[in-house]
Amino acid sequence: MPILREMQRRGWEVHVAAPNSDTLRALSQNGIHTHQLHLDRSSTNPFQELKTLRNFKAIADLVRPHLSHHFSTKAVIYGCLSGKGLNVATITGLGYSLSGAAGTAKHIPVRIIGKTLYKRAMQKCHHVIFQNDHDCSFFLNKKIAKDHQVSIIQGSGIDMSYFHPDKLSKKDKPIKFVVLSRMLISKGIEDFVAASRIVRERTNEKCEFILAGPLDVDNPSCIKESIFNGWLTEGSVKWIGQVPDALEAYSDADVVVLPSFYKEGLSRSLIEGAAMGLPLITTDNPGCRDAVIHNETGLIVPLRDPHALAEAMLTLISNASMRRQMGKAGRKFVEQHFSQDQVLSKTLETYDAVLTRNGGVGLD
């Protein structure tokens, strides 16, 4: 919304195309032209995908934008392939189409097709924004994108006044470790549950292990409901479901955790948690490690290692002063690198440069 509002303030005619949702309806109420996309992010059916591509093309033909900015895998590929005018893309992580995170042979064709489609899309893209160095290097090394096309803008910007330590609960409570994420194997949910069991066996401190986020049954990395329900029955973790406002998950937390091995762009939950003044525990994974300074704003552990994750939790359980110091340092780190104002400024500078370089009109 901050970027969209700034476009409006500068007199731009702003359009948003996205799947139908409450968010899309809210945008319409704010004077933004909205267009419904019929997009199934998990589909690999070629007929369905051709229909989706035509949907993108129809919207582009109708709007005829001077500049389009595309987010997420399918929107980047189909938006660039069908887009009119100048195209900017943001790569928010490598995902299954390039990383092979699903880990099964049946996903090999998806990765091959994904790489081919990305290459074709990048030929029609005037600038590519990455959220971390790893993803940028991947695209360059695989010759999907070229040096002159790319830049790095970390994240989508955090509202530092909204995500603020003053909104943390002050009451006495057990130490709460919170994961805010989709409930996926690749997000490390299994590892979090395993680590919670280890911690409970090794400390007498009262602790709670909270999962916040939706089940994602259409994702290749989905957790079977029977397994998930077994964890809840066992009592190792609590699940508060999908929260409409992330602040609900953070306000009562002591530590924010993300044990992901999915190829993230830049983890928003970690950045938001740090902005709240909370210490972080995450994995040595692109898009996760970029959000943490090890031993200063949080702890970084190896991928797929519940024992290392449990050790990090135990370290923070036993040291309240460390939790406070890391929280303060994390808040400062976010202010310096990931604030909404910084990301907004860099994004608008990118638009201006693309428009000017290609004979368009700059933002001023």
Foldseek 3Di string as FASTA:
>chain_A
DVLQVVCVVLPHQAEEEEADDPVQVVVVVVVHHYHHQPDDPLDPPPVVLVVRLVSLLVVQVVVVDQEDEAEDQSRLLSCLVRHHHAYEYEYFFPFCLAPVLLVDPVSVVSVVVSLVSLLVSQVSHQAYEFQFPVVVVVCPVVVSHHPVRYDYAHDQADALVVLALVLADDDDDFAEEEEEDAQFVQQVNVLLLVLLVVLVVPDPGGYAYEYEEAQDVSDSRGDDPVVVVVSVVVPSHYYPYYDPDCSVRQRHHQEYETAGQGGGRADPNLLSNLSNLFAYEYEPHHNDVVLDDDQQQYHYYHHPDSVRVNVRVVVCSVDVPSGNRNSVRSSVVCVVRGHNVVSSVVVLVVVQCSQVVVVHHHSD
